[in-house]
N, C-alpha and C. Protein backbone atom coordinates (compact mmCIF):
# COMPACT_ATOMS: atom_id res chain seq x y z
N MET A 1 -20.21 25.74 -7.88
CA MET A 1 -19.55 24.99 -7.14
C MET A 1 -18.54 25.55 -5.74
N PHE A 2 -18.03 26.08 -5.76
CA PHE A 2 -16.92 26.66 -4.70
C PHE A 2 -17.72 27.73 -3.40
N GLN A 3 -19.37 28.46 -4.16
CA GLN A 3 -19.49 29.47 -3.32
C GLN A 3 -20.65 28.22 -2.50
N VAL A 4 -21.25 27.31 -3.19
CA VAL A 4 -22.04 25.88 -2.05
C VAL A 4 -20.81 25.68 -0.61
N ASN A 5 -19.89 25.23 -1.06
CA ASN A 5 -18.65 24.63 -0.77
C ASN A 5 -18.32 25.19 0.35
N ALA A 6 -18.43 27.10 -0.09
CA ALA A 6 -17.91 28.08 1.59
C ALA A 6 -19.02 28.24 2.26
N LEU A 7 -20.48 27.08 2.58
CA LEU A 7 -21.45 27.41 3.19
C LEU A 7 -21.22 26.61 4.17
N LEU A 8 -20.11 25.33 3.67
CA LEU A 8 -19.97 24.26 5.32
C LEU A 8 -18.99 24.50 6.60
N PRO A 9 -19.46 24.63 7.28
CA PRO A 9 -18.34 25.06 8.94
C PRO A 9 -17.24 24.35 8.59
N SER A 10 -16.29 24.69 8.84
CA SER A 10 -15.16 24.76 8.36
C SER A 10 -14.39 22.72 8.76
N SER A 11 -15.09 23.06 9.98
CA SER A 11 -15.01 21.44 10.05
C SER A 11 -15.68 20.31 9.76
N MET A 12 -17.14 20.83 9.73
CA MET A 12 -17.37 19.54 8.68
C MET A 12 -16.63 19.65 7.27
N PHE A 13 -16.71 20.40 7.18
CA PHE A 13 -15.44 20.77 4.96
C PHE A 13 -14.48 19.78 5.81
N VAL A 14 -13.71 19.59 6.62
CA VAL A 14 -12.83 19.08 6.92
C VAL A 14 -12.95 17.14 6.69
N THR A 15 -14.11 17.69 7.84
CA THR A 15 -14.54 15.85 7.92
C THR A 15 -15.21 15.43 6.71
N VAL A 16 -15.93 16.15 5.36
CA VAL A 16 -16.55 15.72 4.42
C VAL A 16 -14.95 15.24 3.39
N ILE A 17 -14.55 16.48 3.64
CA ILE A 17 -13.15 15.94 2.87
C ILE A 17 -11.93 14.32 2.84
N SER A 18 -12.27 15.22 4.07
CA SER A 18 -11.39 13.50 4.63
C SER A 18 -11.60 12.48 4.27
N GLY A 19 -13.14 11.92 3.95
CA GLY A 19 -13.96 10.72 3.33
C GLY A 19 -13.50 10.94 2.10
N LEU A 20 -14.20 12.49 1.64
CA LEU A 20 -13.81 11.59 -0.07
C LEU A 20 -12.23 10.75 -0.43
N LEU A 21 -11.45 11.57 0.74
CA LEU A 21 -9.64 10.69 -0.36
C LEU A 21 -9.68 9.73 -0.10
N THR A 22 -11.17 8.85 0.64
CA THR A 22 -10.62 7.69 0.30
C THR A 22 -11.50 6.86 -0.34
N HIS A 23 -12.61 7.51 -1.36
CA HIS A 23 -13.43 7.11 -2.16
C HIS A 23 -12.84 6.23 -2.95
N SER A 24 -12.67 5.35 -3.82
CA SER A 24 -12.51 4.17 -4.70
C SER A 24 -12.43 5.07 -6.41
N ILE A 25 -13.35 6.58 -5.93
CA ILE A 25 -12.81 7.11 -7.91
C ILE A 25 -12.66 8.23 -7.75
N GLN A 26 -11.36 8.31 -8.82
CA GLN A 26 -10.10 8.94 -8.57
C GLN A 26 -10.56 10.48 -9.47
N LEU A 27 -11.69 10.52 -9.40
CA LEU A 27 -12.04 11.66 -10.25
C LEU A 27 -12.74 12.27 -9.03
N LEU A 28 -13.33 11.60 -8.26
CA LEU A 28 -13.90 12.03 -7.00
C LEU A 28 -12.73 12.85 -6.02
N ARG A 29 -11.99 12.21 -5.53
CA ARG A 29 -10.78 12.47 -5.16
C ARG A 29 -10.17 13.51 -5.74
N ARG A 30 -9.97 13.59 -6.71
CA ARG A 30 -9.36 14.86 -7.65
C ARG A 30 -9.65 15.82 -7.11
N LYS A 31 -11.85 15.95 -7.32
CA LYS A 31 -12.21 17.21 -6.89
C LYS A 31 -12.10 18.07 -5.91
N ALA A 32 -12.10 16.44 -4.58
CA ALA A 32 -12.18 16.82 -3.35
C ALA A 32 -10.40 17.42 -2.50
N LEU A 33 -9.79 16.89 -3.79
CA LEU A 33 -8.61 17.66 -3.68
C LEU A 33 -8.89 19.57 -3.57
N GLU A 34 -9.38 19.44 -5.18
CA GLU A 34 -9.28 21.22 -5.60
C GLU A 34 -9.96 21.50 -4.95
N LEU A 35 -11.12 21.61 -4.27
CA LEU A 35 -11.72 22.16 -2.97
C LEU A 35 -10.96 22.41 -2.01
N LEU A 36 -10.08 21.36 -1.52
CA LEU A 36 -9.94 21.70 -0.05
C LEU A 36 -8.82 22.65 -0.42
N ASN A 37 -7.82 22.23 -2.22
CA ASN A 37 -6.66 23.72 -2.23
C ASN A 37 -7.43 24.98 -1.57
N ALA A 38 -8.92 25.36 -2.61
CA ALA A 38 -9.39 25.98 -2.67
C ALA A 38 -9.60 26.87 -1.54
N ARG A 39 -9.86 26.09 -0.41
CA ARG A 39 -10.47 26.47 0.99
C ARG A 39 -8.62 26.99 1.27
N LEU A 40 -8.03 26.61 0.80
CA LEU A 40 -6.62 26.17 2.09
C LEU A 40 -5.43 27.69 1.08
N SER A 41 -6.19 27.95 -0.24
CA SER A 41 -5.16 28.56 -1.02
C SER A 41 -5.11 30.58 0.31
N PRO A 42 -3.67 30.87 0.78
CA PRO A 42 -3.48 31.70 0.40
C PRO A 42 -4.77 33.60 0.18
N GLN A 43 -5.18 33.38 -0.57
CA GLN A 43 -6.60 33.72 -0.92
C GLN A 43 -8.26 34.23 0.11
N ASN A 44 -7.66 32.72 0.59
CA ASN A 44 -9.02 32.62 1.57
C ASN A 44 -8.48 32.85 3.35
N LYS A 45 -8.08 33.74 3.75
CA LYS A 45 -7.24 33.95 5.00
C LYS A 45 -8.45 33.17 6.07
N SER A 46 -9.88 34.44 5.71
CA SER A 46 -11.22 33.97 6.27
C SER A 46 -11.10 31.63 7.21
N PHE A 47 -10.61 31.01 5.97
CA PHE A 47 -11.51 29.53 6.40
C PHE A 47 -9.64 29.68 7.42
N ARG A 48 -8.67 29.86 7.05
CA ARG A 48 -7.03 29.48 7.71
C ARG A 48 -7.68 30.15 9.35
N LEU A 49 -8.39 31.08 9.65
CA LEU A 49 -8.84 31.57 10.88
C LEU A 49 -9.65 30.80 11.93
N ILE A 50 -10.44 30.52 11.00
CA ILE A 50 -11.78 29.34 11.67
C ILE A 50 -11.39 28.20 12.20
N CYS A 51 -10.82 27.91 11.12
CA CYS A 51 -10.34 26.49 11.25
C CYS A 51 -8.64 26.06 11.90
N ASP A 52 -9.37 25.50 13.00
CA ASP A 52 -7.64 25.28 13.96
C ASP A 52 -6.94 23.81 13.04
N SER A 53 -6.18 23.92 14.01
CA SER A 53 -4.70 23.99 13.27
C SER A 53 -5.09 21.99 13.22
N GLU A 54 -5.04 21.68 14.57
CA GLU A 54 -5.50 20.37 15.11
C GLU A 54 -6.55 19.25 13.62
N THR A 55 -7.69 19.88 13.37
CA THR A 55 -8.62 19.76 12.76
C THR A 55 -8.14 19.66 10.78
N LEU A 56 -7.04 20.65 10.82
CA LEU A 56 -6.61 20.42 9.08
C LEU A 56 -5.47 18.97 9.34
N LEU A 57 -5.08 19.15 10.28
CA LEU A 57 -3.94 18.09 10.59
C LEU A 57 -4.25 16.61 10.50
N THR A 58 -5.94 16.46 10.85
CA THR A 58 -6.16 15.23 10.07
C THR A 58 -7.08 14.87 8.70
N LEU A 59 -6.23 15.55 8.02
CA LEU A 59 -5.90 15.82 6.60
C LEU A 59 -4.69 15.16 6.14
N LEU A 60 -4.16 14.98 6.42
CA LEU A 60 -2.45 14.28 6.73
C LEU A 60 -2.69 13.13 6.29
N LYS A 61 -2.73 11.90 7.14
CA LYS A 61 -2.90 10.80 6.76
C LYS A 61 -3.95 10.35 5.55
N PRO A 62 -5.21 11.19 4.82
CA PRO A 62 -5.56 10.43 3.75
C PRO A 62 -4.92 11.36 2.81
N LEU A 63 -4.54 11.56 2.75
CA LEU A 63 -3.69 12.09 1.90
C LEU A 63 -2.26 12.07 1.66
N MET A 64 -1.25 11.69 2.63
CA MET A 64 -0.08 11.06 2.23
C MET A 64 -0.51 9.88 2.47
N SER A 65 -1.30 8.82 2.51
CA SER A 65 -1.87 7.66 1.91
C SER A 65 -2.20 7.80 0.11
N ILE A 66 -2.09 8.46 -0.45
CA ILE A 66 -2.39 9.00 -2.05
C ILE A 66 -1.08 8.94 -2.10
N VAL A 67 -0.84 10.18 -1.47
CA VAL A 67 1.03 10.26 -1.88
C VAL A 67 2.10 9.21 -2.04
N SER A 68 1.03 8.44 -0.91
CA SER A 68 2.47 6.84 -1.18
C SER A 68 2.56 6.25 -2.20
N THR A 69 1.33 6.49 -3.00
CA THR A 69 1.57 5.04 -3.97
C THR A 69 1.86 5.71 -5.70
N ILE A 70 2.74 6.62 -5.31
CA ILE A 70 2.75 7.42 -6.32
C ILE A 70 4.42 6.56 -6.48
N GLU A 71 5.28 6.04 -6.20
CA GLU A 71 5.78 5.05 -6.40
C GLU A 71 5.39 4.27 -6.65
N VAL A 72 4.78 3.28 -6.63
CA VAL A 72 3.87 1.95 -7.16
C VAL A 72 3.86 1.97 -8.49
N THR A 73 2.85 3.78 -8.52
CA THR A 73 2.16 3.91 -9.45
C THR A 73 3.49 4.29 -11.00
N LEU A 74 4.65 5.16 -10.38
CA LEU A 74 5.63 4.92 -10.97
C LEU A 74 5.88 3.68 -11.70
N ASN A 75 7.18 2.76 -10.82
CA ASN A 75 6.97 1.94 -11.14
C ASN A 75 6.32 0.34 -11.87
N GLY A 76 4.74 0.72 -11.62
CA GLY A 76 3.99 -0.17 -11.90
C GLY A 76 3.91 0.16 -13.97
N ASP A 77 4.11 0.86 -14.22
CA ASP A 77 4.27 1.95 -15.55
C ASP A 77 4.93 1.51 -16.15
N ALA A 78 6.39 1.73 -15.91
CA ALA A 78 6.96 1.10 -16.27
C ALA A 78 6.96 -0.28 -16.59
N GLU A 79 6.94 -1.10 -15.64
CA GLU A 79 7.01 -2.50 -15.76
C GLU A 79 5.68 -2.97 -16.82
N MET A 80 4.29 -2.61 -17.06
CA MET A 80 3.41 -2.73 -17.99
C MET A 80 4.21 -2.17 -19.06
N ASP A 81 4.69 -1.07 -19.24
CA ASP A 81 5.44 -0.43 -20.57
C ASP A 81 6.62 -1.58 -20.97
N ASP A 82 7.09 -2.28 -20.26
CA ASP A 82 7.59 -3.24 -20.39
C ASP A 82 6.81 -4.79 -21.64
N GLU A 83 5.88 -5.01 -19.98
CA GLU A 83 5.72 -6.02 -21.06
C GLU A 83 5.00 -6.08 -22.12
N MET A 84 3.56 -4.42 -22.23
CA MET A 84 2.72 -4.59 -23.58
C MET A 84 3.18 -4.06 -25.11
N ASP A 85 3.15 -4.41 -25.93
CA ASP A 85 3.22 -4.26 -26.89
C ASP A 85 2.47 -2.75 -27.07
N GLY A 86 2.84 -1.87 -28.38
CA GLY A 86 2.51 -0.61 -28.53
C GLY A 86 0.98 -0.65 -28.64
N ASN A 87 0.78 -1.66 -29.79
CA ASN A 87 -0.73 -2.07 -30.13
C ASN A 87 -1.63 -2.56 -28.69
N ASP A 88 -1.17 -3.37 -27.66
CA ASP A 88 -2.46 -3.33 -26.82
C ASP A 88 -2.51 -2.21 -25.45
N LYS A 89 -1.94 -0.85 -25.90
CA LYS A 89 -2.02 -0.41 -24.54
C LYS A 89 -3.69 0.43 -25.23
N THR A 90 -4.56 0.54 -24.21
CA THR A 90 -6.08 1.53 -24.85
C THR A 90 -5.38 2.42 -23.98
N ALA A 91 -6.41 3.34 -24.85
CA ALA A 91 -7.16 4.53 -23.95
C ALA A 91 -7.25 4.33 -22.75
N ALA A 92 -8.27 3.72 -22.09
CA ALA A 92 -8.94 3.93 -20.74
C ALA A 92 -8.01 3.83 -20.13
N LYS A 93 -6.76 2.53 -20.11
CA LYS A 93 -5.48 2.65 -19.18
C LYS A 93 -5.02 3.39 -19.47
N LYS A 94 -4.72 4.60 -20.29
CA LYS A 94 -3.98 5.44 -20.41
C LYS A 94 -4.95 6.72 -19.51
N THR A 95 -5.25 6.76 -19.90
CA THR A 95 -6.38 7.87 -19.16
C THR A 95 -6.60 7.64 -17.69
N SER A 96 -7.17 6.60 -17.36
CA SER A 96 -7.08 5.66 -15.71
C SER A 96 -5.43 6.44 -15.25
N LYS A 97 -4.43 6.28 -15.88
CA LYS A 97 -2.81 6.61 -15.26
C LYS A 97 -2.97 7.79 -15.20
N GLU A 98 -3.17 8.78 -15.95
CA GLU A 98 -2.98 10.34 -15.92
C GLU A 98 -3.99 10.40 -15.00
N GLU A 99 -5.49 9.95 -14.52
CA GLU A 99 -6.31 10.66 -13.58
C GLU A 99 -5.89 10.30 -12.22
N THR A 100 -4.86 9.07 -12.47
CA THR A 100 -4.36 8.50 -11.04
C THR A 100 -3.30 9.73 -10.60
N LEU A 101 -2.47 9.96 -12.21
CA LEU A 101 -0.88 10.84 -11.41
C LEU A 101 -1.59 12.11 -11.76
N LEU A 102 -2.37 12.43 -12.23
CA LEU A 102 -3.47 13.96 -11.55
C LEU A 102 -3.45 13.95 -10.61
N THR A 103 -4.35 12.63 -10.52
CA THR A 103 -4.68 13.27 -8.50
C THR A 103 -3.71 13.14 -7.77
N GLN A 104 -2.57 12.37 -7.61
CA GLN A 104 -1.50 12.09 -6.96
C GLN A 104 -0.62 13.91 -7.15
N GLN A 105 -0.93 13.85 -7.82
CA GLN A 105 0.19 15.75 -8.30
C GLN A 105 -0.76 16.33 -7.34
N THR A 106 -1.95 16.14 -7.14
CA THR A 106 -2.77 17.88 -6.67
C THR A 106 -2.85 17.09 -5.12
N ALA A 107 -2.52 16.06 -4.70
CA ALA A 107 -2.35 15.93 -2.99
C ALA A 107 -1.05 15.97 -2.48
N LEU A 108 0.33 16.37 -3.71
CA LEU A 108 0.72 16.55 -3.21
C LEU A 108 1.17 18.06 -3.19
N PHE A 109 0.18 18.57 -3.86
CA PHE A 109 0.45 20.10 -3.81
C PHE A 109 -0.93 20.65 -2.69
N SER A 110 -1.91 19.75 -2.34
CA SER A 110 -2.30 19.90 -1.09
C SER A 110 -1.26 19.63 0.71
N LEU A 111 -0.64 19.38 0.61
CA LEU A 111 0.63 18.55 0.79
C LEU A 111 1.91 19.91 1.09
N LYS A 112 1.77 20.90 0.11
CA LYS A 112 2.78 21.25 0.08
C LYS A 112 2.08 22.60 0.74
N ILE A 113 0.85 22.71 0.30
CA ILE A 113 -0.03 24.33 1.59
C ILE A 113 -0.30 23.91 2.85
N LEU A 114 -0.41 22.90 3.34
CA LEU A 114 -0.73 22.37 4.31
C LEU A 114 0.85 23.09 5.29
N ALA A 115 2.16 22.68 4.42
CA ALA A 115 3.05 22.75 5.14
C ALA A 115 3.30 23.69 5.64
N ARG A 116 3.14 24.69 4.43
CA ARG A 116 3.43 25.96 4.53
C ARG A 116 3.10 27.07 5.69
N GLN A 117 1.59 26.19 6.03
CA GLN A 117 0.82 26.78 6.86
C GLN A 117 0.56 26.36 8.50
N LEU A 118 1.21 24.88 8.43
CA LEU A 118 1.49 23.71 9.32
C LEU A 118 2.47 23.31 9.75
N ALA A 119 3.01 23.34 9.31
CA ALA A 119 4.52 22.77 9.18
C ALA A 119 5.95 23.14 10.92
N TYR A 120 5.48 23.89 10.94
CA TYR A 120 6.62 24.98 11.91
C TYR A 120 6.04 25.06 12.90
N ASP A 121 4.11 24.89 12.79
CA ASP A 121 4.07 24.35 14.10
C ASP A 121 4.59 23.33 15.20
N HIS A 122 4.14 21.92 13.95
CA HIS A 122 4.01 20.71 13.79
C HIS A 122 5.09 20.02 13.02
N ARG A 123 6.83 20.14 13.96
CA ARG A 123 7.54 19.43 12.70
C ARG A 123 6.76 17.81 13.11
N ASP A 124 6.92 17.16 14.11
CA ASP A 124 6.55 16.16 13.97
C ASP A 124 5.20 15.56 13.67
N LYS A 125 4.41 16.02 13.12
CA LYS A 125 3.21 15.61 12.34
C LYS A 125 3.52 15.77 10.44
N PHE A 126 4.37 15.97 10.43
CA PHE A 126 4.90 16.18 8.79
C PHE A 126 6.46 16.11 8.47
N THR A 127 7.18 14.92 9.48
CA THR A 127 7.94 13.84 9.78
C THR A 127 8.31 12.83 8.73
N PRO A 128 6.44 11.92 8.75
CA PRO A 128 7.08 11.52 8.19
C PRO A 128 7.35 11.89 6.33
N VAL A 129 6.40 13.07 5.74
CA VAL A 129 6.17 13.69 4.08
C VAL A 129 7.51 13.83 4.04
N SER A 130 9.16 13.56 5.20
CA SER A 130 10.35 13.59 4.59
C SER A 130 10.87 12.39 4.37
N PHE A 131 9.95 11.39 4.55
CA PHE A 131 10.92 9.95 5.36
C PHE A 131 10.40 9.82 2.89
N ILE A 132 9.88 9.75 2.21
CA ILE A 132 9.30 9.88 1.00
C ILE A 132 10.64 9.88 -0.29
N PRO A 133 11.37 8.61 -0.29
CA PRO A 133 12.02 8.98 -0.65
C PRO A 133 12.90 10.31 -2.32
N TRP A 134 11.72 9.77 -3.09
CA TRP A 134 11.51 10.83 -4.28
C TRP A 134 11.09 12.13 -4.41
N ILE A 135 10.63 12.44 -2.73
CA ILE A 135 11.01 13.47 -2.41
C ILE A 135 11.88 14.41 -1.87
N VAL A 136 13.25 13.61 -1.75
CA VAL A 136 14.10 14.30 -0.68
C VAL A 136 14.89 14.65 -2.07
N GLU A 137 14.81 13.21 -3.09
CA GLU A 137 15.46 13.55 -3.70
C GLU A 137 15.66 14.41 -4.69
């Protein structure tokens, strides 16, 4: 799968990933993030040389959209735990919650990689990341 992924030109890859990050299926978003992280990894120096920083910066908005739901997910889980008995919780809900949290964690990892590569030269673009209170704490 990763070998086929490498065939896409960098700008097309970023466009496709950006679109997939807004998809409603959680698993699809997480797989897109995994592909992104593979391309952004320090071992893949050729991608960083080919892809310009402005193209990569377009990924910040969909990534921040995913990351911004973490607090809602965590607060919603606390309220759900208070309202439900242990018998009422289903495996499907638990799996969905775990998938959401895993996707959010993967998005945070993507932001970390992008920040390491681009934040020094583009501090203004990464400023919204520092306004997420639970990251700063």
